């Protein structure tokens, strides 16, 4: 049997941002900004009560990461929210098929 014909596992990510927030979390841990037991406790608290599967799971993940970044003095919640808004504005201002650049968020920042 050709290994390329084997069934491929389903991706744990349904949106590209989910893979990015996962990778960022791993990178922040590897850089020593927090350890996994602390991360697991914060993530578990954010995950409690989620209902819609992957969407809620990854939103809880992102919220937990924001909290860990604020706790560690890396970025405050307001900074993260402001940057997220700028990226959204840049995405809306960018023509389809073009790279999204933060500087496309005209009047933001």
C-alpha atoms as a PDB file:
ATOM      1  CA  UNK A   1       0.000   0.000   0.000  1.00  0.00           C
ATOM      2  CA  UNK A   2       1.264   3.423  -0.945  1.00  0.00           C
ATOM      3  CA  UNK A   3       1.596   5.564   2.234  1.00  0.00           C
ATOM      4  CA  UNK A   4       0.087   8.505   0.363  1.00  0.00           C
ATOM      5  CA  UNK A   5      -3.115   6.510  -0.150  1.00  0.00           C
ATOM      6  CA  UNK A   6      -3.581   5.971   3.589  1.00  0.00           C
ATOM      7  CA  UNK A   7      -6.452   7.898   5.200  1.00  0.00           C
ATOM      8  CA  UNK A   8      -5.280  11.193   6.610  1.00  0.00           C
ATOM      9  CA  UNK A   9      -6.207  12.172  10.163  1.00  0.00           C
ATOM     10  CA  UNK A  10      -8.725  14.943  10.533  1.00  0.00           C
ATOM     11  CA  UNK A  11      -7.200  18.316  11.373  1.00  0.00           C
ATOM     12  CA  UNK A  12      -7.826  19.538  14.922  1.00  0.00           C
ATOM     13  CA  UNK A  13      -8.162  23.055  13.501  1.00  0.00           C
ATOM     14  CA  UNK A  14     -11.218  24.284  11.608  1.00  0.00           C
ATOM     15  CA  UNK A  15      -9.854  27.804  11.044  1.00  0.00           C
ATOM     16  CA  UNK A  16      -6.294  29.049  10.376  1.00  0.00           C
ATOM     17  CA  UNK A  17      -6.356  31.307  13.458  1.00  0.00           C
ATOM     18  CA  UNK A  18      -6.782  28.236  15.659  1.00  0.00           C
ATOM     19  CA  UNK A  19      -3.509  26.750  14.421  1.00  0.00           C
ATOM     20  CA  UNK A  20      -1.821  30.116  14.938  1.00  0.00           C
ATOM     21  CA  UNK A  21      -3.023  30.539  18.526  1.00  0.00           C
ATOM     22  CA  UNK A  22      -1.924  26.972  19.259  1.00  0.00           C
ATOM     23  CA  UNK A  23       1.541  27.596  17.785  1.00  0.00           C
ATOM     24  CA  UNK A  24       1.858  30.907  19.639  1.00  0.00           C
ATOM     25  CA  UNK A  25       0.966  29.197  22.916  1.00  0.00           C
ATOM     26  CA  UNK A  26       3.614  26.531  22.376  1.00  0.00           C
ATOM     27  CA  UNK A  27       6.201  29.179  21.444  1.00  0.00           C
ATOM     28  CA  UNK A  28       5.413  31.270  24.540  1.00  0.00           C
ATOM     29  CA  UNK A  29       5.776  28.184  26.724  1.00  0.00           C
ATOM     30  CA  UNK A  30       9.055  27.222  25.073  1.00  0.00           C
ATOM     31  CA  UNK A  31      10.324  30.792  25.594  1.00  0.00           C
ATOM     32  CA  UNK A  32       9.646  30.374  29.321  1.00  0.00           C
ATOM     33  CA  UNK A  33       6.744  32.816  29.669  1.00  0.00           C
ATOM     34  CA  UNK A  34       4.627  30.198  31.483  1.00  0.00           C
ATOM     35  CA  UNK A  35       4.675  26.517  32.307  1.00  0.00           C
ATOM     36  CA  UNK A  36       2.148  23.877  31.259  1.00  0.00           C
ATOM     37  CA  UNK A  37       0.580  23.247  34.686  1.00  0.00           C
ATOM     38  CA  UNK A  38      -0.245  26.973  35.030  1.00  0.00           C
ATOM     39  CA  UNK A  39      -1.475  27.036  31.435  1.00  0.00           C
ATOM     40  CA  UNK A  40      -3.693  23.982  32.001  1.00  0.00           C
ATOM     41  CA  UNK A  41      -5.297  25.537  35.088  1.00  0.00           C
ATOM     42  CA  UNK A  42      -6.083  28.821  33.303  1.00  0.00           C
ATOM     43  CA  UNK A  43      -7.274  27.064  30.137  1.00  0.00           C
ATOM     44  CA  UNK A  44      -9.480  24.704  32.154  1.00  0.00           C
ATOM     45  CA  UNK A  45     -11.151  27.661  33.857  1.00  0.00           C
ATOM     46  CA  UNK A  46     -11.814  29.347  30.486  1.00  0.00           C
ATOM     47  CA  UNK A  47     -13.014  26.090  28.952  1.00  0.00           C
ATOM     48  CA  UNK A  48     -15.571  25.408  31.668  1.00  0.00           C
ATOM     49  CA  UNK A  49     -19.108  25.778  30.327  1.00  0.00           C
ATOM     50  CA  UNK A  50     -18.251  25.831  26.602  1.00  0.00           C
ATOM     51  CA  UNK A  51     -20.949  24.368  24.424  1.00  0.00           C
ATOM     52  CA  UNK A  52     -20.347  24.532  20.674  1.00  0.00           C
ATOM     53  CA  UNK A  53     -17.363  22.252  20.231  1.00  0.00           C
ATOM     54  CA  UNK A  54     -14.316  23.479  18.335  1.00  0.00           C
ATOM     55  CA  UNK A  55     -15.387  27.140  18.171  1.00  0.00           C
ATOM     56  CA  UNK A  56     -15.798  27.495  21.923  1.00  0.00           C
ATOM     57  CA  UNK A  57     -12.738  25.343  22.581  1.00  0.00           C
ATOM     58  CA  UNK A  58     -10.413  27.577  20.565  1.00  0.00           C
ATOM     59  CA  UNK A  59     -11.993  30.821  21.829  1.00  0.00           C
ATOM     60  CA  UNK A  60     -11.340  29.564  25.371  1.00  0.00           C
ATOM     61  CA  UNK A  61      -7.781  28.725  24.312  1.00  0.00           C
ATOM     62  CA  UNK A  62      -7.242  32.263  22.980  1.00  0.00           C
ATOM     63  CA  UNK A  63      -8.747  33.831  26.112  1.00  0.00           C
ATOM     64  CA  UNK A  64      -6.471  31.715  28.294  1.00  0.00           C
ATOM     65  CA  UNK A  65      -3.453  32.765  26.247  1.00  0.00           C
ATOM     66  CA  UNK A  66      -4.428  36.428  26.636  1.00  0.00           C
ATOM     67  CA  UNK A  67      -4.660  35.937  30.391  1.00  0.00           C
ATOM     68  CA  UNK A  68      -1.263  34.236  30.524  1.00  0.00           C
ATOM     69  CA  UNK A  69       0.310  37.043  28.471  1.00  0.00           C
ATOM     70  CA  UNK A  70      -1.163  39.652  30.833  1.00  0.00           C
ATOM     71  CA  UNK A  71      -0.055  37.730  33.925  1.00  0.00           C
ATOM     72  CA  UNK A  72       3.477  37.498  32.595  1.00  0.00           C
ATOM     73  CA  UNK A  73       3.599  41.178  31.657  1.00  0.00           C
ATOM     74  CA  UNK A  74       4.037  40.321  27.983  1.00  0.00           C
ATOM     75  CA  UNK A  75       0.880  42.110  26.797  1.00  0.00           C
ATOM     76  CA  UNK A  76      -2.125  43.501  28.619  1.00  0.00           C
ATOM     77  CA  UNK A  77      -5.620  42.472  27.555  1.00  0.00           C
ATOM     78  CA  UNK A  78      -6.364  45.925  26.176  1.00  0.00           C
ATOM     79  CA  UNK A  79      -3.263  45.766  23.989  1.00  0.00           C
ATOM     80  CA  UNK A  80      -4.267  42.378  22.634  1.00  0.00           C
ATOM     81  CA  UNK A  81      -7.819  43.572  21.925  1.00  0.00           C
ATOM     82  CA  UNK A  82      -6.586  46.740  20.192  1.00  0.00           C
ATOM     83  CA  UNK A  83      -4.194  44.755  18.021  1.00  0.00           C
ATOM     84  CA  UNK A  84      -6.943  42.267  17.146  1.00  0.00           C
ATOM     85  CA  UNK A  85      -9.185  45.164  16.071  1.00  0.00           C
ATOM     86  CA  UNK A  86      -6.395  46.571  13.896  1.00  0.00           C
ATOM     87  CA  UNK A  87      -5.914  43.179  12.224  1.00  0.00           C
ATOM     88  CA  UNK A  88      -9.671  42.945  11.585  1.00  0.00           C
ATOM     89  CA  UNK A  89      -9.673  46.432  10.053  1.00  0.00           C
ATOM     90  CA  UNK A  90      -6.661  45.506   7.916  1.00  0.00           C
ATOM     91  CA  UNK A  91      -8.390  42.305   6.766  1.00  0.00           C
ATOM     92  CA  UNK A  92     -11.511  44.249   5.742  1.00  0.00           C
ATOM     93  CA  UNK A  93      -9.400  46.827   3.886  1.00  0.00           C
ATOM     94  CA  UNK A  94      -7.338  44.246   1.981  1.00  0.00           C
ATOM     95  CA  UNK A  95      -8.483  43.107  -1.462  1.00  0.00           C
ATOM     96  CA  UNK A  96      -9.329  39.406  -1.702  1.00  0.00           C
ATOM     97  CA  UNK A  97      -6.294  37.285  -2.446  1.00  0.00           C
ATOM     98  CA  UNK A  98      -3.791  39.852  -1.219  1.00  0.00           C
ATOM     99  CA  UNK A  99      -1.688  39.481   1.939  1.00  0.00           C
ATOM    100  CA  UNK A 100      -3.196  41.152   4.967  1.00  0.00           C
ATOM    101  CA  UNK A 101      -0.832  43.847   6.208  1.00  0.00           C
ATOM    102  CA  UNK A 102      -1.337  45.664   9.484  1.00  0.00           C
ATOM    103  CA  UNK A 103      -0.600  48.983   7.787  1.00  0.00           C
ATOM    104  CA  UNK A 104      -3.773  48.460   5.717  1.00  0.00           C
ATOM    105  CA  UNK A 105      -5.747  49.325   8.854  1.00  0.00           C
ATOM    106  CA  UNK A 106      -6.084  52.979   7.802  1.00  0.00           C
ATOM    107  CA  UNK A 107      -6.801  55.346  10.656  1.00  0.00           C
ATOM    108  CA  UNK A 108      -6.114  52.622  13.224  1.00  0.00           C
ATOM    109  CA  UNK A 109      -3.308  52.607  15.764  1.00  0.00           C
END
